[in-house]
Amino acid sequence: MARFQRDEGLARFGEPGVLVLLSLSDGAKHGYAITADVLEQTGVRLGPGTLYGSLTKLVERGLIAALPSDDRRRPYEITAAGRAALAAQLATWSRVIQTGQSRLAQA
């Protein structure tokens, strides 16, 4: 896991990429649908620049793939590498949350 995070991980561009992967983990979506899903599920509003910057980086890293479309809206899907990256990031965040909750309980 550590090697993946160093070499190809999401840490270089952070939370927006994770939120996009999370949105795509239940099926392909185009940009507006990703934005709406992220807002609905997390309360985080991704601006267009943040969203499309993240999409570009995720495609470059092979974590998502653009699907063919006859429409101007281009759908994206998560790849196997994207699922692995998302699982690794969620495991890290889970440890952070557990540590934080434990420390707050001690206070």
PDB file of N, CA and C in Angstrom:
ATOM      1  N   MET A   1       0.821  -1.192   0.000  1.00  0.00           N
ATOM      2  CA  MET A   1       0.000   0.000   0.000  1.00  0.00           C
ATOM      3  C   MET A   1       0.865   1.256   0.000  1.00  0.00           C
ATOM      4  N   ALA A   2       1.897   1.339   0.813  1.00  0.00           N
ATOM      5  CA  ALA A   2       2.721   2.537   0.871  1.00  0.00           C
ATOM      6  C   ALA A   2       3.347   2.843  -0.486  1.00  0.00           C
ATOM      7  N   ARG A   3       3.810   1.818  -1.199  1.00  0.00           N
ATOM      8  CA  ARG A   3       4.416   2.036  -2.511  1.00  0.00           C
ATOM      9  C   ARG A   3       3.399   2.660  -3.461  1.00  0.00           C
ATOM     10  N   PHE A   4       2.183   2.167  -3.446  1.00  0.00           N
ATOM     11  CA  PHE A   4       1.147   2.699  -4.324  1.00  0.00           C
ATOM     12  C   PHE A   4       0.927   4.178  -4.038  1.00  0.00           C
ATOM     13  N   GLN A   5       0.846   4.535  -2.769  1.00  0.00           N
ATOM     14  CA  GLN A   5       0.591   5.927  -2.420  1.00  0.00           C
ATOM     15  C   GLN A   5       1.742   6.825  -2.850  1.00  0.00           C
ATOM     16  N   ARG A   6       2.967   6.373  -2.706  1.00  0.00           N
ATOM     17  CA  ARG A   6       4.116   7.179  -3.102  1.00  0.00           C
ATOM     18  C   ARG A   6       4.182   7.349  -4.609  1.00  0.00           C
ATOM     19  N   ASP A   7       4.013   6.261  -5.341  1.00  0.00           N
ATOM     20  CA  ASP A   7       4.248   6.292  -6.779  1.00  0.00           C
ATOM     21  C   ASP A   7       3.052   6.787  -7.583  1.00  0.00           C
ATOM     22  N   GLU A   8       1.856   6.365  -7.216  1.00  0.00           N
ATOM     23  CA  GLU A   8       0.708   6.663  -8.061  1.00  0.00           C
ATOM     24  C   GLU A   8      -0.491   7.149  -7.260  1.00  0.00           C
ATOM     25  N   GLY A   9      -0.306   7.395  -6.005  1.00  0.00           N
ATOM     26  CA  GLY A   9      -1.434   7.627  -5.117  1.00  0.00           C
ATOM     27  C   GLY A   9      -2.162   8.930  -5.332  1.00  0.00           C
ATOM     28  N   LEU A  10      -3.202   9.085  -4.579  1.00  0.00           N
ATOM     29  CA  LEU A  10      -4.070  10.240  -4.685  1.00  0.00           C
ATOM     30  C   LEU A  10      -3.562  11.416  -3.872  1.00  0.00           C
ATOM     31  N   ALA A  11      -2.598  11.181  -2.991  1.00  0.00           N
ATOM     32  CA  ALA A  11      -2.152  12.226  -2.080  1.00  0.00           C
ATOM     33  C   ALA A  11      -1.638  13.459  -2.815  1.00  0.00           C
ATOM     34  N   ARG A  12      -1.166  13.304  -4.029  1.00  0.00           N
ATOM     35  CA  ARG A  12      -0.634  14.448  -4.767  1.00  0.00           C
ATOM     36  C   ARG A  12      -1.703  15.481  -5.102  1.00  0.00           C
ATOM     37  N   PHE A  13      -2.937  15.069  -5.195  1.00  0.00           N
ATOM     38  CA  PHE A  13      -3.964  16.055  -5.486  1.00  0.00           C
ATOM     39  C   PHE A  13      -5.168  15.953  -4.567  1.00  0.00           C
ATOM     40  N   GLY A  14      -5.144  15.031  -3.624  1.00  0.00           N
ATOM     41  CA  GLY A  14      -6.013  15.044  -2.478  1.00  0.00           C
ATOM     42  C   GLY A  14      -7.477  14.725  -2.639  1.00  0.00           C
ATOM     43  N   GLU A  15      -8.224  15.346  -1.773  1.00  0.00           N
ATOM     44  CA  GLU A  15      -9.622  15.023  -1.552  1.00  0.00           C
ATOM     45  C   GLU A  15     -10.516  15.053  -2.787  1.00  0.00           C
ATOM     46  N   PRO A  16     -10.448  16.048  -3.668  1.00  0.00           N
ATOM     47  CA  PRO A  16     -11.361  16.028  -4.817  1.00  0.00           C
ATOM     48  C   PRO A  16     -11.250  14.748  -5.644  1.00  0.00           C
ATOM     49  N   GLY A  17     -10.038  14.253  -5.843  1.00  0.00           N
ATOM     50  CA  GLY A  17      -9.866  13.007  -6.598  1.00  0.00           C
ATOM     51  C   GLY A  17     -10.524  11.834  -5.914  1.00  0.00           C
ATOM     52  N   VAL A  18     -10.407  11.787  -4.599  1.00  0.00           N
ATOM     53  CA  VAL A  18     -11.045  10.714  -3.831  1.00  0.00           C
ATOM     54  C   VAL A  18     -12.564  10.821  -3.948  1.00  0.00           C
ATOM     55  N   LEU A  19     -13.085  12.029  -3.880  1.00  0.00           N
ATOM     56  CA  LEU A  19     -14.532  12.217  -3.985  1.00  0.00           C
ATOM     57  C   LEU A  19     -15.045  11.809  -5.362  1.00  0.00           C
ATOM     58  N   VAL A  20     -14.276  12.095  -6.408  1.00  0.00           N
ATOM     59  CA  VAL A  20     -14.667  11.673  -7.762  1.00  0.00           C
ATOM     60  C   VAL A  20     -14.661  10.149  -7.856  1.00  0.00           C
ATOM     61  N   LEU A  21     -13.604   9.523  -7.342  1.00  0.00           N
ATOM     62  CA  LEU A  21     -13.564   8.052  -7.362  1.00  0.00           C
ATOM     63  C   LEU A  21     -14.728   7.467  -6.570  1.00  0.00           C
ATOM     64  N   LEU A  22     -15.027   8.048  -5.437  1.00  0.00           N
ATOM     65  CA  LEU A  22     -16.146   7.574  -4.618  1.00  0.00           C
ATOM     66  C   LEU A  22     -17.451   7.665  -5.410  1.00  0.00           C
ATOM     67  N   SER A  23     -17.651   8.764  -6.106  1.00  0.00           N
ATOM     68  CA  SER A  23     -18.859   8.931  -6.903  1.00  0.00           C
ATOM     69  C   SER A  23     -18.940   7.888  -8.016  1.00  0.00           C
ATOM     70  N   LEU A  24     -17.824   7.645  -8.680  1.00  0.00           N
ATOM     71  CA  LEU A  24     -17.821   6.696  -9.802  1.00  0.00           C
ATOM     72  C   LEU A  24     -17.839   5.236  -9.353  1.00  0.00           C
ATOM     73  N   SER A  25     -17.619   4.997  -8.062  1.00  0.00           N
ATOM     74  CA  SER A  25     -17.551   3.616  -7.581  1.00  0.00           C
ATOM     75  C   SER A  25     -18.887   2.880  -7.705  1.00  0.00           C
ATOM     76  N   ASP A  26     -19.992   3.621  -7.876  1.00  0.00           N
ATOM     77  CA  ASP A  26     -21.277   2.930  -8.058  1.00  0.00           C
ATOM     78  C   ASP A  26     -21.804   3.050  -9.481  1.00  0.00           C
ATOM     79  N   GLY A  27     -20.947   3.482 -10.409  1.00  0.00           N
ATOM     80  CA  GLY A  27     -21.358   3.520 -11.810  1.00  0.00           C
ATOM     81  C   GLY A  27     -20.824   4.733 -12.537  1.00  0.00           C
ATOM     82  N   ALA A  28     -20.807   4.640 -13.857  1.00  0.00           N
ATOM     83  CA  ALA A  28     -20.300   5.719 -14.704  1.00  0.00           C
ATOM     84  C   ALA A  28     -21.199   6.950 -14.593  1.00  0.00           C
ATOM     85  N   LYS A  29     -20.552   8.119 -14.676  1.00  0.00           N
ATOM     86  CA  LYS A  29     -21.281   9.389 -14.614  1.00  0.00           C
ATOM     87  C   LYS A  29     -20.532  10.430 -15.434  1.00  0.00           C
ATOM     88  N   HIS A  30     -21.250  11.462 -15.878  1.00  0.00           N
ATOM     89  CA  HIS A  30     -20.616  12.616 -16.512  1.00  0.00           C
ATOM     90  C   HIS A  30     -20.359  13.668 -15.430  1.00  0.00           C
ATOM     91  N   GLY A  31     -19.669  14.726 -15.815  1.00  0.00           N
ATOM     92  CA  GLY A  31     -19.215  15.728 -14.849  1.00  0.00           C
ATOM     93  C   GLY A  31     -20.289  16.288 -13.940  1.00  0.00           C
ATOM     94  N   TYR A  32     -21.408  16.753 -14.510  1.00  0.00           N
ATOM     95  CA  TYR A  32     -22.463  17.326 -13.673  1.00  0.00           C
ATOM     96  C   TYR A  32     -23.021  16.291 -12.704  1.00  0.00           C
ATOM     97  N   ALA A  33     -23.204  15.063 -13.157  1.00  0.00           N
ATOM     98  CA  ALA A  33     -23.730  14.006 -12.284  1.00  0.00           C
ATOM     99  C   ALA A  33     -22.748  13.689 -11.159  1.00  0.00           C
ATOM    100  N   ILE A  34     -21.446  13.750 -11.437  1.00  0.00           N
ATOM    101  CA  ILE A  34     -20.447  13.541 -10.387  1.00  0.00           C
ATOM    102  C   ILE A  34     -20.565  14.650  -9.352  1.00  0.00           C
ATOM    103  N   THR A  35     -20.635  15.894  -9.819  1.00  0.00           N
ATOM    104  CA  THR A  35     -20.750  17.036  -8.912  1.00  0.00           C
ATOM    105  C   THR A  35     -21.985  16.907  -8.028  1.00  0.00           C
ATOM    106  N   ALA A  36     -23.118  16.567  -8.639  1.00  0.00           N
ATOM    107  CA  ALA A  36     -24.370  16.425  -7.891  1.00  0.00           C
ATOM    108  C   ALA A  36     -24.282  15.281  -6.881  1.00  0.00           C
ATOM    109  N   ASP A  37     -23.695  14.156  -7.285  1.00  0.00           N
ATOM    110  CA  ASP A  37     -23.567  13.000  -6.393  1.00  0.00           C
ATOM    111  C   ASP A  37     -22.660  13.329  -5.206  1.00  0.00           C
ATOM    112  N   VAL A  38     -21.518  13.960  -5.484  1.00  0.00           N
ATOM    113  CA  VAL A  38     -20.595  14.322  -4.401  1.00  0.00           C
ATOM    114  C   VAL A  38     -21.288  15.266  -3.418  1.00  0.00           C
ATOM    115  N   LEU A  39     -22.002  16.250  -3.928  1.00  0.00           N
ATOM    116  CA  LEU A  39     -22.712  17.187  -3.056  1.00  0.00           C
ATOM    117  C   LEU A  39     -23.756  16.462  -2.216  1.00  0.00           C
ATOM    118  N   GLU A  40     -24.525  15.599  -2.849  1.00  0.00           N
ATOM    119  CA  GLU A  40     -25.578  14.868  -2.132  1.00  0.00           C
ATOM    120  C   GLU A  40     -25.002  13.932  -1.071  1.00  0.00           C
ATOM    121  N   GLN A  41     -23.942  13.227  -1.395  1.00  0.00           N
ATOM    122  CA  GLN A  41     -23.393  12.215  -0.483  1.00  0.00           C
ATOM    123  C   GLN A  41     -22.509  12.800   0.612  1.00  0.00           C
ATOM    124  N   THR A  42     -21.821  13.919   0.324  1.00  0.00           N
ATOM    125  CA  THR A  42     -20.826  14.427   1.277  1.00  0.00           C
ATOM    126  C   THR A  42     -21.051  15.853   1.729  1.00  0.00           C
ATOM    127  N   GLY A  43     -21.879  16.599   1.001  1.00  0.00           N
ATOM    128  CA  GLY A  43     -22.063  18.010   1.322  1.00  0.00           C
ATOM    129  C   GLY A  43     -20.956  18.893   0.766  1.00  0.00           C
ATOM    130  N   VAL A  44     -20.040  18.313  -0.007  1.00  0.00           N
ATOM    131  CA  VAL A  44     -18.931  19.062  -0.600  1.00  0.00           C
ATOM    132  C   VAL A  44     -19.296  19.449  -2.024  1.00  0.00           C
ATOM    133  N   ARG A  45     -19.174  20.740  -2.331  1.00  0.00           N
ATOM    134  CA  ARG A  45     -19.467  21.223  -3.682  1.00  0.00           C
ATOM    135  C   ARG A  45     -18.146  21.367  -4.439  1.00  0.00           C
ATOM    136  N   LEU A  46     -17.994  20.581  -5.500  1.00  0.00           N
ATOM    137  CA  LEU A  46     -16.805  20.675  -6.341  1.00  0.00           C
ATOM    138  C   LEU A  46     -17.062  21.700  -7.444  1.00  0.00           C
ATOM    139  N   GLY A  47     -16.222  22.716  -7.510  1.00  0.00           N
ATOM    140  CA  GLY A  47     -16.331  23.696  -8.586  1.00  0.00           C
ATOM    141  C   GLY A  47     -15.882  23.079  -9.896  1.00  0.00           C
ATOM    142  N   PRO A  48     -16.266  23.674 -11.020  1.00  0.00           N
ATOM    143  CA  PRO A  48     -15.910  23.118 -12.326  1.00  0.00           C
ATOM    144  C   PRO A  48     -14.400  22.949 -12.517  1.00  0.00           C
ATOM    145  N   GLY A  49     -13.615  23.931 -12.111  1.00  0.00           N
ATOM    146  CA  GLY A  49     -12.163  23.828 -12.263  1.00  0.00           C
ATOM    147  C   GLY A  49     -11.584  22.682 -11.460  1.00  0.00           C
ATOM    148  N   THR A  50     -12.062  22.536 -10.239  1.00  0.00           N
ATOM    149  CA  THR A  50     -11.602  21.446  -9.370  1.00  0.00           C
ATOM    150  C   THR A  50     -12.009  20.105  -9.951  1.00  0.00           C
ATOM    151  N   LEU A  51     -13.264  19.999 -10.371  1.00  0.00           N
ATOM    152  CA  LEU A  51     -13.768  18.737 -10.919  1.00  0.00           C
ATOM    153  C   LEU A  51     -12.991  18.324 -12.167  1.00  0.00           C
ATOM    154  N   TYR A  52     -12.905  19.218 -13.134  1.00  0.00           N
ATOM    155  CA  TYR A  52     -12.276  18.831 -14.399  1.00  0.00           C
ATOM    156  C   TYR A  52     -10.769  18.682 -14.266  1.00  0.00           C
ATOM    157  N   GLY A  53     -10.154  19.417 -13.350  1.00  0.00           N
ATOM    158  CA  GLY A  53      -8.743  19.185 -13.050  1.00  0.00           C
ATOM    159  C   GLY A  53      -8.532  17.803 -12.466  1.00  0.00           C
ATOM    160  N   SER A  54      -9.408  17.403 -11.554  1.00  0.00           N
ATOM    161  CA  SER A  54      -9.322  16.070 -10.953  1.00  0.00           C
ATOM    162  C   SER A  54      -9.572  14.977 -11.980  1.00  0.00           C
ATOM    163  N   LEU A  55     -10.569  15.173 -12.837  1.00  0.00           N
ATOM    164  CA  LEU A  55     -10.851  14.185 -13.874  1.00  0.00           C
ATOM    165  C   LEU A  55      -9.625  13.985 -14.771  1.00  0.00           C
ATOM    166  N   THR A  56      -8.995  15.073 -15.167  1.00  0.00           N
ATOM    167  CA  THR A  56      -7.802  14.987 -16.021  1.00  0.00           C
ATOM    168  C   THR A  56      -6.699  14.189 -15.328  1.00  0.00           C
ATOM    169  N   LYS A  57      -6.441  14.502 -14.074  1.00  0.00           N
ATOM    170  CA  LYS A  57      -5.385  13.804 -13.329  1.00  0.00           C
ATOM    171  C   LYS A  57      -5.715  12.331 -13.125  1.00  0.00           C
ATOM    172  N   LEU A  58      -6.967  12.034 -12.834  1.00  0.00           N
ATOM    173  CA  LEU A  58      -7.364  10.642 -12.629  1.00  0.00           C
ATOM    174  C   LEU A  58      -7.233   9.833 -13.919  1.00  0.00           C
ATOM    175  N   VAL A  59      -7.595  10.435 -15.059  1.00  0.00           N
ATOM    176  CA  VAL A  59      -7.431   9.756 -16.348  1.00  0.00           C
ATOM    177  C   VAL A  59      -5.946   9.532 -16.619  1.00  0.00           C
ATOM    178  N   GLU A  60      -5.129  10.558 -16.404  1.00  0.00           N
ATOM    179  CA  GLU A  60      -3.679  10.433 -16.650  1.00  0.00           C
ATOM    180  C   GLU A  60      -3.054   9.319 -15.815  1.00  0.00           C
ATOM    181  N   ARG A  61      -3.558   9.106 -14.605  1.00  0.00           N
ATOM    182  CA  ARG A  61      -3.025   8.074 -13.716  1.00  0.00           C
ATOM    183  C   ARG A  61      -3.664   6.708 -13.953  1.00  0.00           C
ATOM    184  N   GLY A  62      -4.633   6.630 -14.859  1.00  0.00           N
ATOM    185  CA  GLY A  62      -5.282   5.361 -15.162  1.00  0.00           C
ATOM    186  C   GLY A  62      -6.274   4.929 -14.097  1.00  0.00           C
ATOM    187  N   LEU A  63      -6.730   5.879 -13.268  1.00  0.00           N
ATOM    188  CA  LEU A  63      -7.660   5.543 -12.196  1.00  0.00           C
ATOM    189  C   LEU A  63      -9.115   5.626 -12.640  1.00  0.00           C
ATOM    190  N   ILE A  64      -9.365   6.380 -13.708  1.00  0.00           N
ATOM    191  CA  ILE A  64     -10.677   6.420 -14.349  1.00  0.00           C
ATOM    192  C   ILE A  64     -10.444   6.410 -15.859  1.00  0.00           C
ATOM    193  N   ALA A  65     -11.504   6.113 -16.598  1.00  0.00           N
ATOM    194  CA  ALA A  65     -11.431   6.126 -18.062  1.00  0.00           C
ATOM    195  C   ALA A  65     -12.652   6.855 -18.613  1.00  0.00           C
ATOM    196  N   ALA A  66     -12.422   7.662 -19.647  1.00  0.00           N
ATOM    197  CA  ALA A  66     -13.527   8.329 -20.333  1.00  0.00           C
ATOM    198  C   ALA A  66     -14.206   7.307 -21.237  1.00  0.00           C
ATOM    199  N   LEU A  67     -15.510   7.340 -21.255  1.00  0.00           N
ATOM    200  CA  LEU A  67     -16.288   6.436 -22.108  1.00  0.00           C
ATOM    201  C   LEU A  67     -16.724   7.169 -23.370  1.00  0.00           C
ATOM    202  N   PRO A  68     -16.925   6.439 -24.462  1.00  0.00           N
ATOM    203  CA  PRO A  68     -17.416   7.075 -25.690  1.00  0.00           C
ATOM    204  C   PRO A  68     -18.806   7.656 -25.456  1.00  0.00           C
ATOM    205  N   SER A  69     -19.078   8.760 -26.151  1.00  0.00           N
ATOM    206  CA  SER A  69     -20.379   9.389 -25.989  1.00  0.00           C
ATOM    207  C   SER A  69     -20.753  10.126 -27.270  1.00  0.00           C
ATOM    208  N   ASP A  70     -22.035  10.060 -27.629  1.00  0.00           N
ATOM    209  CA  ASP A  70     -22.549  10.828 -28.766  1.00  0.00           C
ATOM    210  C   ASP A  70     -22.995  12.207 -28.311  1.00  0.00           C
ATOM    211  N   ASP A  71     -22.965  12.425 -27.040  1.00  0.00           N
ATOM    212  CA  ASP A  71     -23.429  13.642 -26.389  1.00  0.00           C
ATOM    213  C   ASP A  71     -22.211  14.504 -26.047  1.00  0.00           C
ATOM    214  N   ARG A  72     -22.406  15.781 -25.792  1.00  0.00           N
ATOM    215  CA  ARG A  72     -21.287  16.625 -25.373  1.00  0.00           C
ATOM    216  C   ARG A  72     -20.840  16.293 -23.955  1.00  0.00           C
ATOM    217  N   ARG A  73     -21.716  15.634 -23.206  1.00  0.00           N
ATOM    218  CA  ARG A  73     -21.353  15.216 -21.847  1.00  0.00           C
ATOM    219  C   ARG A  73     -20.596  13.901 -21.927  1.00  0.00           C
ATOM    220  N   ARG A  74     -19.376  13.894 -21.433  1.00  0.00           N
ATOM    221  CA  ARG A  74     -18.541  12.695 -21.498  1.00  0.00           C
ATOM    222  C   ARG A  74     -18.633  11.940 -20.168  1.00  0.00           C
ATOM    223  N   PRO A  75     -19.105  10.697 -20.194  1.00  0.00           N
ATOM    224  CA  PRO A  75     -19.136   9.906 -18.960  1.00  0.00           C
ATOM    225  C   PRO A  75     -17.755   9.307 -18.658  1.00  0.00           C
ATOM    226  N   TYR A  76     -17.520   9.060 -17.386  1.00  0.00           N
ATOM    227  CA  TYR A  76     -16.287   8.439 -16.912  1.00  0.00           C
ATOM    228  C   TYR A  76     -16.648   7.228 -16.077  1.00  0.00           C
ATOM    229  N   GLU A  77     -15.732   6.246 -16.057  1.00  0.00           N
ATOM    230  CA  GLU A  77     -15.912   5.089 -15.189  1.00  0.00           C
ATOM    231  C   GLU A  77     -14.617   4.851 -14.416  1.00  0.00           C
ATOM    232  N   ILE A  78     -14.756   4.272 -13.235  1.00  0.00           N
ATOM    233  CA  ILE A  78     -13.602   3.940 -12.420  1.00  0.00           C
ATOM    234  C   ILE A  78     -12.953   2.669 -12.974  1.00  0.00           C
ATOM    235  N   THR A  79     -11.633   2.606 -12.909  1.00  0.00           N
ATOM    236  CA  THR A  79     -10.901   1.414 -13.361  1.00  0.00           C
ATOM    237  C   THR A  79     -10.565   0.539 -12.147  1.00  0.00           C
ATOM    238  N   ALA A  80     -10.024  -0.634 -12.405  1.00  0.00           N
ATOM    239  CA  ALA A  80      -9.589  -1.506 -11.306  1.00  0.00           C
ATOM    240  C   ALA A  80      -8.524  -0.799 -10.469  1.00  0.00           C
ATOM    241  N   ALA A  81      -7.613  -0.094 -11.125  1.00  0.00           N
ATOM    242  CA  ALA A  81      -6.590   0.658 -10.382  1.00  0.00           C
ATOM    243  C   ALA A  81      -7.241   1.762  -9.544  1.00  0.00           C
ATOM    244  N   GLY A  82      -8.289   2.366 -10.065  1.00  0.00           N
ATOM    245  CA  GLY A  82      -9.015   3.393  -9.322  1.00  0.00           C
ATOM    246  C   GLY A  82      -9.699   2.823  -8.087  1.00  0.00           C
ATOM    247  N   ARG A  83     -10.281   1.638  -8.236  1.00  0.00           N
ATOM    248  CA  ARG A  83     -10.907   0.982  -7.070  1.00  0.00           C
ATOM    249  C   ARG A  83      -9.858   0.671  -6.008  1.00  0.00           C
ATOM    250  N   ALA A  84      -8.695   0.210  -6.430  1.00  0.00           N
ATOM    251  CA  ALA A  84      -7.616  -0.088  -5.475  1.00  0.00           C
ATOM    252  C   ALA A  84      -7.139   1.185  -4.783  1.00  0.00           C
ATOM    253  N   ALA A  85      -6.989   2.266  -5.555  1.00  0.00           N
ATOM    254  CA  ALA A  85      -6.563   3.543  -4.973  1.00  0.00           C
ATOM    255  C   ALA A  85      -7.596   4.066  -3.985  1.00  0.00           C
ATOM    256  N   LEU A  86      -8.877   3.959  -4.336  1.00  0.00           N
ATOM    257  CA  LEU A  86      -9.941   4.400  -3.446  1.00  0.00           C
ATOM    258  C   LEU A  86      -9.943   3.574  -2.169  1.00  0.00           C
ATOM    259  N   ALA A  87      -9.822   2.264  -2.278  1.00  0.00           N
ATOM    260  CA  ALA A  87      -9.792   1.396  -1.092  1.00  0.00           C
ATOM    261  C   ALA A  87      -8.620   1.761  -0.186  1.00  0.00           C
ATOM    262  N   ALA A  88      -7.448   2.005  -0.777  1.00  0.00           N
ATOM    263  CA  ALA A  88      -6.272   2.369   0.019  1.00  0.00           C
ATOM    264  C   ALA A  88      -6.478   3.703   0.726  1.00  0.00           C
ATOM    265  N   GLN A  89      -7.043   4.671   0.015  1.00  0.00           N
ATOM    266  CA  GLN A  89      -7.264   5.990   0.618  1.00  0.00           C
ATOM    267  C   GLN A  89      -8.310   5.915   1.724  1.00  0.00           C
ATOM    268  N   LEU A  90      -9.369   5.157   1.508  1.00  0.00           N
ATOM    269  CA  LEU A  90     -10.398   5.019   2.547  1.00  0.00           C
ATOM    270  C   LEU A  90      -9.848   4.315   3.778  1.00  0.00           C
ATOM    271  N   ALA A  91      -8.959   3.351   3.592  1.00  0.00           N
ATOM    272  CA  ALA A  91      -8.327   2.676   4.730  1.00  0.00           C
ATOM    273  C   ALA A  91      -7.483   3.664   5.530  1.00  0.00           C
ATOM    274  N   THR A  92      -6.762   4.518   4.835  1.00  0.00           N
ATOM    275  CA  THR A  92      -5.961   5.538   5.519  1.00  0.00           C
ATOM    276  C   THR A  92      -6.865   6.494   6.282  1.00  0.00           C
ATOM    277  N   TRP A  93      -7.909   6.987   5.641  1.00  0.00           N
ATOM    278  CA  TRP A  93      -8.823   7.905   6.300  1.00  0.00           C
ATOM    279  C   TRP A  93      -9.496   7.236   7.491  1.00  0.00           C
ATOM    280  N   SER A  94      -9.800   5.956   7.370  1.00  0.00           N
ATOM    281  CA  SER A  94     -10.418   5.227   8.479  1.00  0.00           C
ATOM    282  C   SER A  94      -9.500   5.240   9.705  1.00  0.00           C
ATOM    283  N   ARG A  95      -8.200   5.015   9.475  1.00  0.00           N
ATOM    284  CA  ARG A  95      -7.241   5.064  10.592  1.00  0.00           C
ATOM    285  C   ARG A  95      -7.177   6.465  11.190  1.00  0.00           C
ATOM    286  N   VAL A  96      -7.195   7.483  10.360  1.00  0.00           N
ATOM    287  CA  VAL A  96      -7.162   8.861  10.844  1.00  0.00           C
ATOM    288  C   VAL A  96      -8.395   9.134  11.700  1.00  0.00           C
ATOM    289  N   ILE A  97      -9.552   8.710  11.225  1.00  0.00           N
ATOM    290  CA  ILE A  97     -10.805   8.923  11.966  1.00  0.00           C
ATOM    291  C   ILE A  97     -10.777   8.189  13.299  1.00  0.00           C
ATOM    292  N   GLN A  98     -10.333   6.940  13.298  1.00  0.00           N
ATOM    293  CA  GLN A  98     -10.262   6.168  14.540  1.00  0.00           C
ATOM    294  C   GLN A  98      -9.330   6.833  15.544  1.00  0.00           C
ATOM    295  N   THR A  99      -8.183   7.292  15.084  1.00  0.00           N
ATOM    296  CA  THR A  99      -7.242   7.971  15.965  1.00  0.00           C
ATOM    297  C   THR A  99      -7.854   9.254  16.520  1.00  0.00           C
ATOM    298  N   GLY A 100      -8.464  10.023  15.650  1.00  0.00           N
ATOM    299  CA  GLY A 100      -9.086  11.269  16.087  1.00  0.00           C
ATOM    300  C   GLY A 100     -10.193  11.044  17.092  1.00  0.00           C
ATOM    301  N   GLN A 101     -11.042  10.076  16.853  1.00  0.00           N
ATOM    302  CA  GLN A 101     -12.133   9.779  17.786  1.00  0.00           C
ATOM    303  C   GLN A 101     -11.591   9.304  19.123  1.00  0.00           C
ATOM    304  N   SER A 102     -10.578   8.480  19.069  1.00  0.00           N
ATOM    305  CA  SER A 102      -9.960   7.980  20.306  1.00  0.00           C
ATOM    306  C   SER A 102      -9.361   9.120  21.106  1.00  0.00           C
ATOM    307  N   ARG A 103      -8.650   9.998  20.447  1.00  0.00           N
ATOM    308  CA  ARG A 103      -8.020  11.121  21.160  1.00  0.00           C
ATOM    309  C   ARG A 103      -9.050  12.096  21.708  1.00  0.00           C
ATOM    310  N   LEU A 104     -10.113  12.331  20.962  1.00  0.00           N
ATOM    311  CA  LEU A 104     -11.157  13.214  21.465  1.00  0.00           C
ATOM    312  C   LEU A 104     -11.873  12.619  22.668  1.00  0.00           C
ATOM    313  N   ALA A 105     -12.040  11.306  22.663  1.00  0.00           N
ATOM    314  CA  ALA A 105     -12.700  10.624  23.797  1.00  0.00           C
ATOM    315  C   ALA A 105     -11.864  10.720  25.073  1.00  0.00           C
ATOM    316  N   GLN A 106     -10.553  10.835  24.914  1.00  0.00           N
ATOM    317  CA  GLN A 106      -9.653  10.903  26.078  1.00  0.00           C
ATOM    318  C   GLN A 106      -9.647  12.306  26.693  1.00  0.00           C
ATOM    319  N   ALA A 107     -10.053  13.289  25.937  1.00  0.00           N
ATOM    320  CA  ALA A 107      -9.969  14.685  26.405  1.00  0.00           C
ATOM    321  C   ALA A 107     -11.016  15.011  27.431  1.00  0.00           C
TER     322      ALA A 107
END
